[in-house]
Amino acid sequence: MDRPKLQALILLLGAVLVGGVLGFSADRVMQRRPHSWAERTTMYDDIGLTPAQRAAADSVFDATNCAISTVFTPLHPTLDSIRLDSRRKFRALLTPSQLSTLDARIRDDSLHRARADSTRRARGDTTHRGRQSNSRQDACKK
């Protein structure tokens, strides 16, 4: 392979890698799982908060989560478009065999998530894939 083609390939792979890292980072920020009540309660117990302090802390954390959600909500469509474009470009790099393997992994991951979601619902967990449940989101609208 001659030098210009090699440089172009390296540049393309670098761009895909950087895009993937940025997409992953943005996804982590956007999909950040809110702390569960059990985690909050454990923290409150560890630092010895009074019932009044706990109620005030809950209000602070809930208001913060609502404010962050408000800021990020308009970005969801843009981030979704970036992710879809990145996936399309990544898939274009793969051979048919690699695409088949990737699709199988995606199916397996989807089944795993569905089972985990079902287990969480059975336990009464009110979060869904790291996002607040409707009742928590409704609290932001009050």
N, C-alpha and C. Protein backbone atom coordinates (compact mmCIF):
# COMPACT_ATOMS: atom_id res chain seq x y z
N MET A 1 0.86 -1.18 0.00
CA MET A 1 0.00 0.00 0.00
C MET A 1 0.90 1.23 0.00
N ASP A 2 0.62 2.17 -0.90
CA ASP A 2 1.48 3.34 -0.95
C ASP A 2 1.17 4.30 0.20
N ARG A 3 2.09 5.19 0.45
CA ARG A 3 2.05 6.06 1.63
C ARG A 3 0.78 6.92 1.73
N PRO A 4 0.31 7.59 0.67
CA PRO A 4 -0.90 8.41 0.81
C PRO A 4 -2.14 7.59 1.21
N LYS A 5 -2.26 6.39 0.65
CA LYS A 5 -3.40 5.54 1.01
C LYS A 5 -3.31 5.10 2.47
N LEU A 6 -2.11 4.78 2.90
CA LEU A 6 -1.90 4.38 4.28
C LEU A 6 -2.23 5.53 5.23
N GLN A 7 -1.79 6.73 4.88
CA GLN A 7 -2.09 7.90 5.70
C GLN A 7 -3.60 8.16 5.76
N ALA A 8 -4.26 8.01 4.63
CA ALA A 8 -5.70 8.22 4.59
C ALA A 8 -6.41 7.18 5.45
N LEU A 9 -5.97 5.95 5.37
CA LEU A 9 -6.56 4.88 6.18
C LEU A 9 -6.35 5.15 7.67
N ILE A 10 -5.15 5.55 8.03
CA ILE A 10 -4.86 5.86 9.44
C ILE A 10 -5.71 7.03 9.90
N LEU A 11 -5.86 8.05 9.07
CA LEU A 11 -6.69 9.20 9.42
C LEU A 11 -8.15 8.77 9.61
N LEU A 12 -8.64 7.94 8.71
CA LEU A 12 -10.02 7.46 8.81
C LEU A 12 -10.22 6.65 10.08
N LEU A 13 -9.32 5.74 10.37
CA LEU A 13 -9.43 4.93 11.58
C LEU A 13 -9.32 5.80 12.83
N GLY A 14 -8.46 6.79 12.78
CA GLY A 14 -8.34 7.73 13.91
C GLY A 14 -9.63 8.49 14.13
N ALA A 15 -10.25 8.94 13.03
CA ALA A 15 -11.51 9.68 13.14
C ALA A 15 -12.62 8.79 13.72
N VAL A 16 -12.66 7.54 13.27
CA VAL A 16 -13.66 6.60 13.79
C VAL A 16 -13.41 6.36 15.28
N LEU A 17 -12.16 6.19 15.65
CA LEU A 17 -11.82 5.95 17.06
C LEU A 17 -12.20 7.15 17.92
N VAL A 18 -11.83 8.34 17.48
CA VAL A 18 -12.18 9.56 18.23
C VAL A 18 -13.69 9.71 18.31
N GLY A 19 -14.39 9.48 17.20
CA GLY A 19 -15.85 9.56 17.21
C GLY A 19 -16.46 8.56 18.17
N GLY A 20 -15.91 7.37 18.19
CA GLY A 20 -16.40 6.35 19.11
C GLY A 20 -16.19 6.74 20.56
N VAL A 21 -15.02 7.26 20.86
CA VAL A 21 -14.72 7.68 22.23
C VAL A 21 -15.64 8.83 22.64
N LEU A 22 -15.80 9.81 21.76
CA LEU A 22 -16.68 10.94 22.07
C LEU A 22 -18.13 10.47 22.22
N GLY A 23 -18.56 9.60 21.34
CA GLY A 23 -19.92 9.06 21.43
C GLY A 23 -20.13 8.28 22.71
N PHE A 24 -19.14 7.46 23.06
CA PHE A 24 -19.23 6.68 24.30
C PHE A 24 -19.29 7.61 25.50
N SER A 25 -18.43 8.63 25.51
CA SER A 25 -18.41 9.57 26.63
C SER A 25 -19.73 10.31 26.75
N ALA A 26 -20.24 10.80 25.63
CA ALA A 26 -21.52 11.51 25.66
C ALA A 26 -22.63 10.57 26.11
N ASP A 27 -22.57 9.33 25.65
CA ASP A 27 -23.59 8.35 26.05
C ASP A 27 -23.55 8.12 27.54
N ARG A 28 -22.36 8.02 28.11
CA ARG A 28 -22.23 7.81 29.56
C ARG A 28 -22.83 9.00 30.32
N VAL A 29 -22.59 10.21 29.83
CA VAL A 29 -23.13 11.39 30.49
C VAL A 29 -24.65 11.40 30.36
N MET A 30 -25.14 11.11 29.17
CA MET A 30 -26.58 11.19 28.92
C MET A 30 -27.34 10.04 29.60
N GLN A 31 -26.73 8.90 29.71
CA GLN A 31 -27.41 7.73 30.25
C GLN A 31 -27.06 7.47 31.71
N ARG A 32 -26.47 8.44 32.34
CA ARG A 32 -26.03 8.26 33.71
C ARG A 32 -27.21 7.85 34.59
N ARG A 33 -27.03 6.73 35.26
CA ARG A 33 -28.09 6.17 36.09
C ARG A 33 -28.24 7.01 37.35
N PRO A 34 -29.45 7.47 37.63
CA PRO A 34 -29.63 8.20 38.88
C PRO A 34 -29.39 7.27 40.06
N HIS A 35 -28.90 7.83 41.13
CA HIS A 35 -28.66 7.02 42.32
C HIS A 35 -29.98 6.50 42.86
N SER A 36 -29.96 5.27 43.27
CA SER A 36 -31.18 4.68 43.81
C SER A 36 -31.38 5.18 45.23
N TRP A 37 -32.60 5.00 45.70
CA TRP A 37 -32.90 5.40 47.07
C TRP A 37 -32.04 4.62 48.04
N ALA A 38 -31.78 3.35 47.75
CA ALA A 38 -30.96 2.55 48.66
C ALA A 38 -29.55 3.13 48.76
N GLU A 39 -29.00 3.57 47.63
CA GLU A 39 -27.66 4.17 47.66
C GLU A 39 -27.67 5.48 48.44
N ARG A 40 -28.70 6.27 48.23
CA ARG A 40 -28.80 7.52 48.99
C ARG A 40 -28.93 7.23 50.48
N THR A 41 -29.81 6.29 50.81
CA THR A 41 -30.02 5.97 52.22
C THR A 41 -28.73 5.49 52.86
N THR A 42 -27.97 4.66 52.16
CA THR A 42 -26.70 4.18 52.69
C THR A 42 -25.75 5.35 52.93
N MET A 43 -25.67 6.27 51.97
CA MET A 43 -24.81 7.44 52.14
C MET A 43 -25.28 8.27 53.33
N TYR A 44 -26.58 8.50 53.41
CA TYR A 44 -27.12 9.30 54.50
C TYR A 44 -26.80 8.64 55.86
N ASP A 45 -26.94 7.30 55.91
CA ASP A 45 -26.62 6.58 57.14
C ASP A 45 -25.14 6.72 57.48
N ASP A 46 -24.29 6.58 56.46
CA ASP A 46 -22.84 6.66 56.68
C ASP A 46 -22.41 8.00 57.25
N ILE A 47 -23.03 9.09 56.79
CA ILE A 47 -22.61 10.41 57.28
C ILE A 47 -23.49 10.92 58.40
N GLY A 48 -24.50 10.15 58.78
CA GLY A 48 -25.32 10.46 59.94
C GLY A 48 -26.27 11.63 59.77
N LEU A 49 -26.97 11.70 58.63
CA LEU A 49 -27.91 12.80 58.42
C LEU A 49 -29.18 12.60 59.26
N THR A 50 -29.71 13.70 59.75
CA THR A 50 -30.98 13.69 60.46
C THR A 50 -32.11 13.57 59.43
N PRO A 51 -33.33 13.22 59.85
CA PRO A 51 -34.44 13.16 58.90
C PRO A 51 -34.65 14.49 58.15
N ALA A 52 -34.49 15.60 58.83
CA ALA A 52 -34.66 16.90 58.17
C ALA A 52 -33.56 17.12 57.12
N GLN A 53 -32.33 16.73 57.44
CA GLN A 53 -31.23 16.86 56.48
C GLN A 53 -31.44 15.94 55.29
N ARG A 54 -31.97 14.75 55.53
CA ARG A 54 -32.24 13.80 54.45
C ARG A 54 -33.27 14.38 53.48
N ALA A 55 -34.33 14.94 54.01
CA ALA A 55 -35.37 15.52 53.16
C ALA A 55 -34.80 16.68 52.34
N ALA A 56 -33.99 17.51 52.99
CA ALA A 56 -33.38 18.64 52.28
C ALA A 56 -32.40 18.16 51.21
N ALA A 57 -31.61 17.13 51.54
CA ALA A 57 -30.65 16.59 50.57
C ALA A 57 -31.38 15.97 49.38
N ASP A 58 -32.48 15.25 49.65
CA ASP A 58 -33.27 14.68 48.56
C ASP A 58 -33.76 15.79 47.62
N SER A 59 -34.21 16.88 48.19
CA SER A 59 -34.69 18.00 47.37
C SER A 59 -33.56 18.57 46.52
N VAL A 60 -32.37 18.71 47.11
CA VAL A 60 -31.22 19.24 46.37
C VAL A 60 -30.87 18.30 45.21
N PHE A 61 -30.75 17.01 45.51
CA PHE A 61 -30.35 16.05 44.46
C PHE A 61 -31.42 15.94 43.37
N ASP A 62 -32.69 15.92 43.76
CA ASP A 62 -33.76 15.82 42.77
C ASP A 62 -33.81 17.06 41.88
N ALA A 63 -33.63 18.24 42.48
CA ALA A 63 -33.62 19.47 41.69
C ALA A 63 -32.43 19.49 40.73
N THR A 64 -31.28 18.99 41.19
CA THR A 64 -30.09 18.92 40.33
C THR A 64 -30.35 17.98 39.16
N ASN A 65 -30.91 16.80 39.44
CA ASN A 65 -31.21 15.85 38.36
C ASN A 65 -32.19 16.45 37.36
N CYS A 66 -33.18 17.18 37.84
CA CYS A 66 -34.15 17.82 36.94
C CYS A 66 -33.47 18.89 36.07
N ALA A 67 -32.60 19.69 36.70
CA ALA A 67 -31.91 20.74 35.95
C ALA A 67 -31.00 20.15 34.87
N ILE A 68 -30.29 19.09 35.21
CA ILE A 68 -29.42 18.43 34.23
C ILE A 68 -30.25 17.84 33.11
N SER A 69 -31.36 17.20 33.44
CA SER A 69 -32.23 16.62 32.43
C SER A 69 -32.76 17.70 31.49
N THR A 70 -33.11 18.85 32.04
CA THR A 70 -33.62 19.96 31.23
C THR A 70 -32.57 20.45 30.23
N VAL A 71 -31.32 20.51 30.69
CA VAL A 71 -30.24 20.97 29.82
C VAL A 71 -29.98 19.97 28.70
N PHE A 72 -29.98 18.67 29.02
CA PHE A 72 -29.61 17.66 28.04
C PHE A 72 -30.74 17.24 27.10
N THR A 73 -31.99 17.46 27.48
CA THR A 73 -33.12 17.01 26.67
C THR A 73 -33.06 17.50 25.22
N PRO A 74 -32.75 18.78 24.96
CA PRO A 74 -32.69 19.22 23.57
C PRO A 74 -31.55 18.57 22.77
N LEU A 75 -30.56 18.01 23.46
CA LEU A 75 -29.43 17.40 22.78
C LEU A 75 -29.69 15.96 22.34
N HIS A 76 -30.71 15.32 22.88
CA HIS A 76 -30.97 13.92 22.56
C HIS A 76 -31.09 13.66 21.06
N PRO A 77 -31.87 14.41 20.29
CA PRO A 77 -31.96 14.12 18.86
C PRO A 77 -30.61 14.26 18.13
N THR A 78 -29.83 15.25 18.50
CA THR A 78 -28.52 15.44 17.87
C THR A 78 -27.60 14.27 18.20
N LEU A 79 -27.56 13.88 19.47
CA LEU A 79 -26.72 12.76 19.86
C LEU A 79 -27.18 11.46 19.20
N ASP A 80 -28.49 11.27 19.09
CA ASP A 80 -29.01 10.08 18.41
C ASP A 80 -28.56 10.06 16.95
N SER A 81 -28.60 11.20 16.28
CA SER A 81 -28.16 11.29 14.88
C SER A 81 -26.68 10.96 14.75
N ILE A 82 -25.88 11.49 15.67
CA ILE A 82 -24.44 11.21 15.65
C ILE A 82 -24.19 9.73 15.84
N ARG A 83 -24.89 9.12 16.80
CA ARG A 83 -24.72 7.68 17.05
C ARG A 83 -25.11 6.85 15.82
N LEU A 84 -26.25 7.19 15.21
CA LEU A 84 -26.70 6.43 14.04
C LEU A 84 -25.72 6.56 12.89
N ASP A 85 -25.20 7.75 12.66
CA ASP A 85 -24.23 7.96 11.59
C ASP A 85 -22.94 7.18 11.86
N SER A 86 -22.51 7.19 13.11
CA SER A 86 -21.31 6.45 13.49
C SER A 86 -21.51 4.95 13.28
N ARG A 87 -22.67 4.44 13.67
CA ARG A 87 -22.96 3.01 13.47
C ARG A 87 -22.98 2.66 11.99
N ARG A 88 -23.58 3.54 11.18
CA ARG A 88 -23.64 3.29 9.74
C ARG A 88 -22.23 3.21 9.16
N LYS A 89 -21.38 4.16 9.54
CA LYS A 89 -20.00 4.18 9.03
C LYS A 89 -19.22 2.97 9.52
N PHE A 90 -19.41 2.59 10.78
CA PHE A 90 -18.71 1.43 11.32
C PHE A 90 -19.14 0.17 10.58
N ARG A 91 -20.43 0.00 10.37
CA ARG A 91 -20.94 -1.18 9.68
C ARG A 91 -20.40 -1.26 8.26
N ALA A 92 -20.18 -0.12 7.63
CA ALA A 92 -19.65 -0.10 6.26
C ALA A 92 -18.21 -0.63 6.20
N LEU A 93 -17.51 -0.62 7.31
CA LEU A 93 -16.13 -1.12 7.35
C LEU A 93 -16.06 -2.64 7.47
N LEU A 94 -17.17 -3.28 7.85
CA LEU A 94 -17.15 -4.70 8.18
C LEU A 94 -17.44 -5.60 6.99
N THR A 95 -16.88 -6.80 7.07
CA THR A 95 -17.18 -7.82 6.07
C THR A 95 -18.55 -8.43 6.40
N PRO A 96 -19.16 -9.17 5.47
CA PRO A 96 -20.44 -9.81 5.78
C PRO A 96 -20.36 -10.73 7.00
N SER A 97 -19.27 -11.44 7.16
CA SER A 97 -19.10 -12.32 8.32
C SER A 97 -19.04 -11.50 9.62
N GLN A 98 -18.30 -10.40 9.57
CA GLN A 98 -18.21 -9.53 10.75
C GLN A 98 -19.56 -8.90 11.08
N LEU A 99 -20.30 -8.52 10.05
CA LEU A 99 -21.63 -7.96 10.27
C LEU A 99 -22.54 -8.97 10.95
N SER A 100 -22.45 -10.20 10.52
CA SER A 100 -23.26 -11.26 11.12
C SER A 100 -22.91 -11.44 12.59
N THR A 101 -21.63 -11.44 12.90
CA THR A 101 -21.18 -11.57 14.28
C THR A 101 -21.64 -10.37 15.12
N LEU A 102 -21.51 -9.18 14.56
CA LEU A 102 -21.94 -7.97 15.26
C LEU A 102 -23.45 -8.02 15.53
N ASP A 103 -24.22 -8.40 14.51
CA ASP A 103 -25.67 -8.47 14.69
C ASP A 103 -26.05 -9.48 15.78
N ALA A 104 -25.33 -10.60 15.84
CA ALA A 104 -25.60 -11.59 16.89
C ALA A 104 -25.29 -11.02 18.27
N ARG A 105 -24.20 -10.27 18.36
CA ARG A 105 -23.86 -9.64 19.65
C ARG A 105 -24.93 -8.63 20.06
N ILE A 106 -25.41 -7.87 19.10
CA ILE A 106 -26.45 -6.86 19.39
C ILE A 106 -27.72 -7.56 19.87
N ARG A 107 -28.09 -8.65 19.21
CA ARG A 107 -29.28 -9.41 19.64
C ARG A 107 -29.10 -9.93 21.06
N ASP A 108 -27.92 -10.52 21.34
CA ASP A 108 -27.65 -11.05 22.67
C ASP A 108 -27.71 -9.94 23.72
N ASP A 109 -27.14 -8.79 23.40
CA ASP A 109 -27.16 -7.66 24.33
C ASP A 109 -28.59 -7.19 24.58
N SER A 110 -29.39 -7.14 23.53
CA SER A 110 -30.78 -6.72 23.68
C SER A 110 -31.55 -7.69 24.58
N LEU A 111 -31.33 -8.97 24.40
CA LEU A 111 -31.98 -9.97 25.25
C LEU A 111 -31.53 -9.83 26.70
N HIS A 112 -30.23 -9.59 26.90
CA HIS A 112 -29.70 -9.42 28.25
C HIS A 112 -30.33 -8.19 28.91
N ARG A 113 -30.44 -7.09 28.17
CA ARG A 113 -31.05 -5.87 28.72
C ARG A 113 -32.52 -6.10 29.05
N ALA A 114 -33.22 -6.82 28.17
CA ALA A 114 -34.64 -7.08 28.41
C ALA A 114 -34.82 -7.91 29.68
N ARG A 115 -33.96 -8.91 29.88
CA ARG A 115 -34.03 -9.72 31.10
C ARG A 115 -33.71 -8.86 32.32
N ALA A 116 -32.69 -8.02 32.22
CA ALA A 116 -32.32 -7.16 33.35
C ALA A 116 -33.44 -6.18 33.67
N ASP A 117 -34.06 -5.60 32.63
CA ASP A 117 -35.18 -4.68 32.85
C ASP A 117 -36.34 -5.39 33.53
N SER A 118 -36.62 -6.61 33.08
CA SER A 118 -37.70 -7.40 33.67
C SER A 118 -37.41 -7.69 35.14
N THR A 119 -36.17 -8.02 35.45
CA THR A 119 -35.78 -8.30 36.83
C THR A 119 -35.91 -7.05 37.68
N ARG A 120 -35.49 -5.90 37.14
CA ARG A 120 -35.60 -4.64 37.89
C ARG A 120 -37.06 -4.30 38.17
N ARG A 121 -37.91 -4.48 37.16
CA ARG A 121 -39.34 -4.19 37.36
C ARG A 121 -39.93 -5.11 38.42
N ALA A 122 -39.52 -6.38 38.40
CA ALA A 122 -40.03 -7.34 39.38
C ALA A 122 -39.59 -6.96 40.79
N ARG A 123 -38.40 -6.36 40.91
CA ARG A 123 -37.92 -5.91 42.22
C ARG A 123 -38.53 -4.59 42.63
N GLY A 124 -39.20 -3.92 41.70
CA GLY A 124 -39.80 -2.63 42.02
C GLY A 124 -38.89 -1.45 41.77
N ASP A 125 -37.75 -1.67 41.09
CA ASP A 125 -36.84 -0.57 40.77
C ASP A 125 -37.56 0.36 39.81
N THR A 126 -37.48 1.67 40.05
CA THR A 126 -38.23 2.64 39.26
C THR A 126 -37.41 3.29 38.16
N THR A 127 -36.23 2.76 37.86
CA THR A 127 -35.43 3.33 36.78
C THR A 127 -35.51 2.43 35.56
N HIS A 128 -35.28 3.00 34.40
CA HIS A 128 -35.29 2.25 33.16
C HIS A 128 -34.06 2.65 32.34
N ARG A 129 -33.13 1.71 32.21
CA ARG A 129 -31.91 1.96 31.45
C ARG A 129 -31.24 3.28 31.83
N GLY A 130 -31.16 3.51 33.11
CA GLY A 130 -30.45 4.68 33.58
C GLY A 130 -31.25 5.97 33.55
N ARG A 131 -32.49 5.89 33.12
CA ARG A 131 -33.31 7.11 33.07
C ARG A 131 -34.34 7.06 34.17
N GLN A 132 -34.72 8.22 34.64
CA GLN A 132 -35.71 8.28 35.69
C GLN A 132 -37.04 7.73 35.18
N SER A 133 -37.78 7.14 36.10
CA SER A 133 -39.12 6.67 35.74
C SER A 133 -40.01 7.88 35.51
N ASN A 134 -41.20 7.64 34.97
CA ASN A 134 -42.13 8.73 34.71
C ASN A 134 -42.47 9.50 35.98
N SER A 135 -42.62 8.79 37.10
CA SER A 135 -42.97 9.49 38.33
C SER A 135 -41.85 10.43 38.75
N ARG A 136 -40.60 10.05 38.54
CA ARG A 136 -39.47 10.93 38.88
C ARG A 136 -39.39 12.08 37.88
N GLN A 137 -39.65 11.81 36.61
CA GLN A 137 -39.63 12.87 35.62
C GLN A 137 -40.78 13.86 35.87
N ASP A 138 -41.93 13.33 36.29
CA ASP A 138 -43.05 14.21 36.60
C ASP A 138 -42.71 15.15 37.74
N ALA A 139 -41.87 14.68 38.66
CA ALA A 139 -41.46 15.54 39.78
C ALA A 139 -40.69 16.76 39.26
N CYS A 140 -40.00 16.60 38.14
CA CYS A 140 -39.25 17.72 37.54
C CYS A 140 -40.19 18.77 36.98
N LYS A 141 -41.39 18.37 36.61
CA LYS A 141 -42.33 19.30 35.98
C LYS A 141 -43.12 20.12 36.98
N LYS A 142 -43.03 19.74 38.24
CA LYS A 142 -43.81 20.45 39.27
C LYS A 142 -43.21 21.80 39.59
